[in-house]
Amino acid sequence: MLTDYPVHCPHHNCGWRGCLFPLGDRKDMQGATMSHREIGFRCPRCSGVWQARIVNEDAVNLPLAAPAMQEA
């Protein structure tokens, strides 16, 4: 069964908090094991995307990828 998770957006200057369903569809979740599952979320405020790991029944945010450095 697909469920929503209480999450907070980790993107700078956003701070949105609420419950979200993971990105993707139900089939994406079926192949994941219960002990090691990573899922994605999209913030409804800033549209930022991030990954989280499911630990027990909680979504724990993973570190955001560092932005690519621009050469001068």
Protein backbone atom coordinates (compact mmCIF):
# COMPACT_ATOMS: atom_id res chain seq x y z
CA MET A 1 0.00 0.00 0.00
CA LEU A 2 1.27 3.45 -0.88
CA THR A 3 1.34 5.87 2.03
CA ASP A 4 2.22 9.49 2.60
CA TYR A 5 5.05 10.56 4.90
CA PRO A 6 5.49 13.61 7.14
CA VAL A 7 8.46 15.44 5.59
CA HIS A 8 10.17 18.81 5.49
CA CYS A 9 11.76 20.36 2.41
CA PRO A 10 15.56 20.56 2.79
CA HIS A 11 16.03 23.21 0.09
CA HIS A 12 17.52 26.57 1.09
CA ASN A 13 14.95 29.26 1.98
CA CYS A 14 11.93 26.95 1.63
CA GLY A 15 11.07 25.33 4.96
CA TRP A 16 7.82 23.69 3.79
CA ARG A 17 6.51 20.94 6.10
CA GLY A 18 3.65 18.54 5.52
CA CYS A 19 2.75 15.07 4.27
CA LEU A 20 3.67 13.90 0.77
CA PHE A 21 3.37 10.76 -1.29
CA PRO A 22 6.66 9.56 -2.81
CA LEU A 23 7.42 10.31 -6.46
CA GLY A 24 6.81 7.50 -8.94
CA ASP A 25 4.09 4.92 -8.99
CA ARG A 26 3.20 1.93 -6.87
CA LYS A 27 5.24 -0.46 -9.05
CA ASP A 28 8.43 1.52 -8.24
CA MET A 29 7.95 0.78 -4.55
CA GLN A 30 7.33 -2.97 -4.92
CA GLY A 31 10.92 -3.86 -5.81
CA ALA A 32 12.43 -2.12 -2.81
CA THR A 33 13.22 -4.08 0.33
CA MET A 34 11.71 -2.93 3.58
CA SER A 35 15.13 -2.55 5.25
CA HIS A 36 16.77 -0.39 2.55
CA ARG A 37 14.42 1.79 0.60
CA GLU A 38 15.13 5.18 -0.93
CA ILE A 39 12.33 7.32 -2.32
CA GLY A 40 11.99 10.78 -3.83
CA PHE A 41 9.76 13.72 -2.98
CA ARG A 42 8.87 16.98 -4.77
CA CYS A 43 8.12 20.06 -2.68
CA PRO A 44 4.74 21.69 -3.45
CA ARG A 45 6.15 25.13 -2.54
CA CYS A 46 9.55 25.36 -4.28
CA SER A 47 9.27 22.32 -6.64
CA GLY A 48 12.63 21.09 -5.34
CA VAL A 49 13.23 17.34 -5.45
CA TRP A 50 15.08 15.34 -2.80
CA GLN A 51 15.70 11.75 -1.77
CA ALA A 52 14.90 10.13 1.56
CA ARG A 53 15.49 6.73 3.10
CA ILE A 54 12.64 4.89 4.78
CA VAL A 55 13.70 3.92 8.30
CA ASN A 56 11.00 1.90 10.07
CA GLU A 57 8.00 4.00 9.04
CA ASP A 58 9.72 7.40 8.81
CA ALA A 59 11.24 9.23 5.83
CA VAL A 60 14.74 10.48 6.72
CA ASN A 61 16.10 13.07 4.28
CA LEU A 62 19.35 12.21 2.52
CA PRO A 63 21.89 15.00 1.93
CA LEU A 64 21.14 17.15 -1.10
CA ALA A 65 23.50 16.79 -4.04
CA ALA A 66 25.93 19.70 -4.22
CA PRO A 67 25.26 22.01 -7.18
CA ALA A 68 27.72 21.66 -10.03
CA MET A 69 30.53 24.21 -9.93
CA GLN A 70 30.62 26.67 -12.82
CA GLU A 71 34.00 27.25 -14.43
CA ALA A 72 35.00 30.90 -14.69
